[in-house]
Amino acid sequence: MKNVLIAALIGVGGIAHAEEGARLRVILVGDSTMATKSGYGDALCARFKPEVACLNLARGGRSSKSYRAEGLWGQVMTLLRDRPVGQTDVVLMQFGHNDQPGKPGRSTDLATEFPANLAGYIEDVGPTGARLVMLTPLTRRSFDAQGHLTNDLRPWAETTIRVAARHHVPAIDLNAISRDAVQAMGETDADTLAMAPKPASAPAQATSSSERAGAANPAFDRTHLGAKGAEFFSGMVAEQLVSTLPALKGWMR
């Protein structure tokens, strides 16, 4: 991982000098936990200075498979290939939630498809000159009867880290960091991070996502984020991003 970070720091040398007229564009790619209205992406964009073009292209219900299949990745690649001279592009990518089993047209095999899909994205970005940072999937906020946070996304997180290391791309383990933070705050406080207030008697299905293939439903669940959750996790991502790519610090508010 040390070599990955060194490579990343060398690669972002052109980002640091905003005063010399350099331009920065940040593109967010992922699922509903990053997307507008249901994730932390817009709040993360707001943490950059106004001169940074931050595009939240994450979409609800998408996986590493369907994001490409639906043509969304093609739109990102068009942006990267048409990058103006003097502009640096940074792509933040997070998948995993919808790659899990049971989601027709979206789920991928953890051992074969998921790592191959991530590698394909990395290989696409390389020739464009953009900087790619992989993020492991944001934790869900479901606790068991003993008060322990369940983390069935961990295998997808670990696969993301392995693929990133193999391809010398920096990775932020958001899954581990967010899991530890939510475990520390406990279920009652964690429930205040949801899209809607917890009902007086929350049904069992509220512990998981009610996300359709298009967008998250504006209801209480323990996957998606309201304004408080978006602010909390966007701060976490921003801190980790600057730690991973220190040259970005000068572009943050």
Protein backbone atom coordinates (compact mmCIF):
# COMPACT_ATOMS: atom_id res chain seq x y z
CA MET A 1 0.00 0.00 0.00
CA LYS A 2 2.94 2.33 0.60
CA ASN A 3 3.89 2.07 -3.07
CA VAL A 4 0.29 2.80 -4.05
CA LEU A 5 0.27 6.03 -2.07
CA ILE A 6 3.66 7.10 -3.42
CA ALA A 7 2.41 6.57 -6.96
CA ALA A 8 -0.70 8.60 -6.16
CA LEU A 9 1.28 11.51 -4.76
CA ILE A 10 3.53 11.60 -7.80
CA GLY A 11 0.45 11.52 -10.02
CA VAL A 12 -1.29 14.52 -8.44
CA GLY A 13 1.64 16.90 -8.62
CA GLY A 14 -0.26 19.16 -10.98
CA ILE A 15 -3.19 19.59 -8.59
CA ALA A 16 -1.40 21.57 -5.92
CA HIS A 17 -0.94 24.93 -7.60
CA ALA A 18 -4.38 26.50 -7.82
CA GLU A 19 -2.80 29.96 -7.72
CA GLU A 20 -1.06 29.26 -11.04
CA GLY A 21 -4.33 28.86 -12.91
CA ALA A 22 -4.70 25.09 -12.68
CA ARG A 23 -8.23 23.71 -12.69
CA LEU A 24 -9.66 20.73 -10.86
CA ARG A 25 -12.71 18.62 -11.61
CA VAL A 26 -13.92 15.89 -9.25
CA ILE A 27 -16.29 13.23 -10.57
CA LEU A 28 -18.19 10.93 -8.22
CA VAL A 29 -19.11 7.47 -9.52
CA GLY A 30 -21.10 5.00 -7.45
CA ASP A 31 -24.47 4.03 -6.01
CA SER A 32 -27.20 5.61 -3.88
CA THR A 33 -25.01 5.96 -0.79
CA MET A 34 -23.00 8.50 -2.80
CA ALA A 35 -25.81 9.84 -5.01
CA THR A 36 -27.80 13.08 -4.78
CA LYS A 37 -30.60 13.06 -2.14
CA SER A 38 -29.71 9.66 -0.71
CA GLY A 39 -25.95 9.72 -0.15
CA TYR A 40 -22.98 11.82 0.91
CA GLY A 41 -21.85 12.92 -2.57
CA ASP A 42 -23.40 16.38 -2.77
CA ALA A 43 -22.22 17.20 0.75
CA LEU A 44 -18.72 16.10 -0.27
CA CYS A 45 -18.85 18.36 -3.34
CA ALA A 46 -19.80 21.26 -1.06
CA ARG A 47 -16.57 20.77 0.86
CA PHE A 48 -14.50 21.78 -2.17
CA LYS A 49 -13.83 25.41 -3.00
CA PRO A 50 -16.24 27.05 -5.48
CA GLU A 51 -13.68 26.96 -8.29
CA VAL A 52 -13.64 23.15 -8.21
CA ALA A 53 -16.10 21.54 -10.63
CA CYS A 54 -17.53 18.65 -8.63
CA LEU A 55 -19.94 16.42 -10.54
CA ASN A 56 -21.98 13.87 -8.63
CA LEU A 57 -22.64 11.18 -11.24
CA ALA A 58 -23.40 8.45 -8.71
CA ARG A 59 -26.81 6.88 -9.30
CA GLY A 60 -29.14 4.93 -7.04
CA GLY A 61 -29.37 1.19 -7.53
CA ARG A 62 -26.27 0.88 -9.66
CA SER A 63 -23.57 -1.73 -9.31
CA SER A 64 -20.17 -2.19 -10.92
CA LYS A 65 -22.07 -4.10 -13.62
CA SER A 66 -25.13 -1.94 -14.30
CA TYR A 67 -23.33 1.42 -14.14
CA ARG A 68 -21.41 0.44 -17.25
CA ALA A 69 -24.22 -1.55 -18.91
CA GLU A 70 -26.62 1.41 -18.76
CA GLY A 71 -24.16 3.74 -20.46
CA LEU A 72 -23.42 5.85 -17.40
CA TRP A 73 -19.74 5.00 -17.49
CA GLY A 74 -19.60 5.96 -21.14
CA GLN A 75 -20.71 9.46 -20.16
CA VAL A 76 -17.91 9.67 -17.60
CA MET A 77 -15.35 8.51 -20.15
CA THR A 78 -16.50 11.18 -22.59
CA LEU A 79 -15.86 13.81 -19.94
CA LEU A 80 -12.41 12.40 -19.17
CA ARG A 81 -11.35 12.16 -22.82
CA ASP A 82 -12.53 15.72 -23.51
CA ARG A 83 -10.71 17.19 -20.51
CA PRO A 84 -9.50 20.75 -21.24
CA VAL A 85 -5.77 21.40 -21.24
CA GLY A 86 -4.59 22.45 -17.81
CA GLN A 87 -7.40 20.71 -15.94
CA THR A 88 -6.89 17.78 -13.58
CA ASP A 89 -9.67 15.23 -13.20
CA VAL A 90 -10.06 13.12 -10.06
CA VAL A 91 -12.57 10.26 -10.11
CA LEU A 92 -13.88 8.85 -6.83
CA MET A 93 -15.47 5.42 -7.30
CA GLN A 94 -17.50 3.35 -4.83
CA PHE A 95 -19.40 0.14 -5.59
CA GLY A 96 -20.51 -2.91 -3.62
CA HIS A 97 -24.02 -2.41 -2.23
CA ASN A 98 -25.82 -3.49 -5.38
CA ASP A 99 -23.21 -6.04 -6.39
CA GLN A 100 -24.43 -8.27 -3.59
CA PRO A 101 -26.64 -11.28 -4.47
CA GLY A 102 -30.39 -11.04 -5.02
CA LYS A 103 -30.57 -7.97 -7.27
CA PRO A 104 -31.38 -9.07 -10.83
CA GLY A 105 -29.41 -7.25 -13.49
CA ARG A 106 -27.15 -5.71 -10.89
CA SER A 107 -25.55 -8.32 -8.64
CA THR A 108 -22.13 -9.69 -9.55
CA ASP A 109 -20.10 -12.70 -8.52
CA LEU A 110 -17.72 -11.62 -5.76
CA ALA A 111 -14.89 -13.92 -6.82
CA THR A 112 -14.97 -13.23 -10.56
CA GLU A 113 -17.23 -10.48 -11.92
CA PHE A 114 -16.80 -7.83 -9.24
CA PRO A 115 -12.99 -7.70 -9.32
CA ALA A 116 -12.98 -7.89 -13.12
CA ASN A 117 -15.44 -5.00 -13.32
CA LEU A 118 -13.34 -2.83 -11.01
CA ALA A 119 -10.19 -3.66 -12.96
CA GLY A 120 -11.97 -2.67 -16.16
CA TYR A 121 -12.77 0.76 -14.76
CA ILE A 122 -9.18 1.24 -13.65
CA GLU A 123 -7.86 0.25 -17.07
CA ASP A 124 -10.28 2.65 -18.78
CA VAL A 125 -9.25 5.63 -16.66
CA GLY A 126 -5.50 5.11 -17.03
CA PRO A 127 -5.04 6.38 -20.60
CA THR A 128 -7.13 9.50 -19.95
CA GLY A 129 -4.63 10.88 -17.46
CA ALA A 130 -7.31 11.27 -14.79
CA ARG A 131 -6.59 10.30 -11.17
CA LEU A 132 -8.76 7.51 -9.78
CA VAL A 133 -9.40 6.80 -6.09
CA MET A 134 -11.33 3.68 -5.12
CA LEU A 135 -13.58 3.72 -2.04
CA THR A 136 -14.90 0.65 -0.30
CA PRO A 137 -18.70 0.63 0.23
CA LEU A 138 -20.14 2.79 3.00
CA THR A 139 -21.34 0.70 5.94
CA ARG A 140 -24.97 -0.09 6.51
CA ARG A 141 -26.26 0.84 9.97
CA SER A 142 -28.03 -2.35 11.07
CA PHE A 143 -27.29 -3.67 14.57
CA ASP A 144 -27.92 -7.16 15.90
CA ALA A 145 -29.69 -7.96 19.16
CA GLN A 146 -26.40 -7.69 21.06
CA GLY A 147 -25.74 -4.17 19.79
CA HIS A 148 -23.08 -5.16 17.27
CA LEU A 149 -23.08 -3.59 13.84
CA THR A 150 -23.38 -6.18 11.10
CA ASN A 151 -21.06 -5.76 8.11
CA ASP A 152 -21.96 -8.07 5.27
CA LEU A 153 -20.29 -5.64 2.85
CA ARG A 154 -16.81 -6.42 4.16
CA PRO A 155 -15.96 -9.03 1.49
CA TRP A 156 -16.71 -6.44 -1.23
CA ALA A 157 -14.56 -3.92 0.61
CA GLU A 158 -11.63 -6.29 0.84
CA THR A 159 -11.90 -7.17 -2.83
CA THR A 160 -11.88 -3.47 -3.73
CA ILE A 161 -8.71 -2.96 -1.71
CA ARG A 162 -6.99 -5.94 -3.35
CA VAL A 163 -7.90 -4.82 -6.88
CA ALA A 164 -6.74 -1.26 -6.20
CA ALA A 165 -3.41 -2.45 -4.80
CA ARG A 166 -2.86 -4.80 -7.72
CA HIS A 167 -3.33 -1.93 -10.16
CA HIS A 168 -1.41 0.65 -8.10
CA VAL A 169 -4.46 2.82 -7.50
CA PRO A 170 -5.08 4.48 -4.12
CA ALA A 171 -7.96 3.12 -2.06
CA ILE A 172 -9.84 4.54 0.93
CA ASP A 173 -11.33 1.92 3.22
CA LEU A 174 -14.55 3.83 3.88
CA ASN A 175 -16.28 0.61 4.88
CA ALA A 176 -13.99 0.03 7.86
CA ILE A 177 -13.84 3.67 8.92
CA SER A 178 -17.58 4.24 8.70
CA ARG A 179 -18.31 0.91 10.39
CA ASP A 180 -16.14 1.81 13.38
CA ALA A 181 -17.74 5.25 13.66
CA VAL A 182 -21.30 3.90 13.52
CA GLN A 183 -20.51 1.13 16.00
CA ALA A 184 -19.14 3.73 18.41
CA MET A 185 -22.25 5.94 18.23
CA GLY A 186 -24.71 3.08 18.72
CA GLU A 187 -28.04 2.29 17.08
CA THR A 188 -30.09 5.18 18.47
CA ASP A 189 -27.73 7.89 17.23
CA ALA A 190 -27.01 6.01 14.01
CA ASP A 191 -30.72 6.01 13.17
CA THR A 192 -30.68 9.82 13.09
CA LEU A 193 -28.46 9.64 9.98
CA ALA A 194 -31.27 8.15 7.85
CA MET A 195 -33.23 9.83 5.06
CA ALA A 196 -36.39 10.06 7.19
CA PRO A 197 -37.10 9.88 10.95
CA LYS A 198 -37.43 6.43 12.44
CA PRO A 199 -41.11 5.45 12.88
CA ALA A 200 -42.34 4.77 16.39
CA SER A 201 -42.24 1.09 15.51
CA ALA A 202 -39.81 0.52 12.67
CA PRO A 203 -40.61 -2.62 10.62
CA ALA A 204 -37.93 -5.25 10.22
CA GLN A 205 -37.40 -4.40 6.57
CA ALA A 206 -36.39 -0.87 7.54
CA THR A 207 -33.03 -2.23 8.63
CA SER A 208 -32.02 -2.72 5.01
CA SER A 209 -32.27 -0.77 1.79
CA SER A 210 -35.60 -0.37 -0.01
CA GLU A 211 -33.72 0.90 -3.04
CA ARG A 212 -35.11 0.31 -6.49
CA ALA A 213 -32.92 0.10 -9.58
CA GLY A 214 -33.41 3.82 -10.12
CA ALA A 215 -33.26 5.66 -6.80
CA ALA A 216 -33.68 5.30 -3.07
CA ASN A 217 -37.15 5.63 -1.61
CA PRO A 218 -37.43 8.69 0.70
CA ALA A 219 -38.20 6.60 3.77
CA PHE A 220 -36.45 5.41 6.91
CA ASP A 221 -33.86 2.72 6.36
CA ARG A 222 -30.37 2.00 7.61
CA THR A 223 -28.56 2.32 4.29
CA HIS A 224 -29.36 5.72 2.84
CA LEU A 225 -28.56 9.15 4.25
CA GLY A 226 -30.43 12.30 5.14
CA ALA A 227 -28.76 15.69 5.53
CA LYS A 228 -27.18 14.81 8.89
CA GLY A 229 -25.80 11.53 7.60
CA ALA A 230 -24.50 13.13 4.41
CA GLU A 231 -22.67 15.80 6.40
CA PHE A 232 -21.20 13.24 8.78
CA PHE A 233 -19.89 10.83 6.17
CA SER A 234 -18.80 13.49 3.68
CA GLY A 235 -16.51 14.89 6.36
CA MET A 236 -15.09 11.44 6.87
CA VAL A 237 -14.46 10.99 3.15
CA ALA A 238 -12.94 14.46 2.77
CA GLU A 239 -10.51 13.81 5.61
CA GLN A 240 -9.45 10.48 4.13
CA LEU A 241 -9.18 11.95 0.65
CA VAL A 242 -6.78 14.68 1.78
CA SER A 243 -4.79 12.10 3.73
CA THR A 244 -4.54 9.93 0.60
CA LEU A 245 -3.89 12.75 -1.86
CA PRO A 246 -2.41 15.62 0.18
CA ALA A 247 -2.23 17.90 -2.85
CA LEU A 248 -6.03 18.20 -2.71
CA LYS A 249 -5.93 20.03 0.61
CA GLY A 250 -5.53 23.41 -1.08
CA TRP A 251 -8.73 22.81 -3.01
CA MET A 252 -10.87 22.18 0.06
CA ARG A 253 -12.86 24.85 1.91
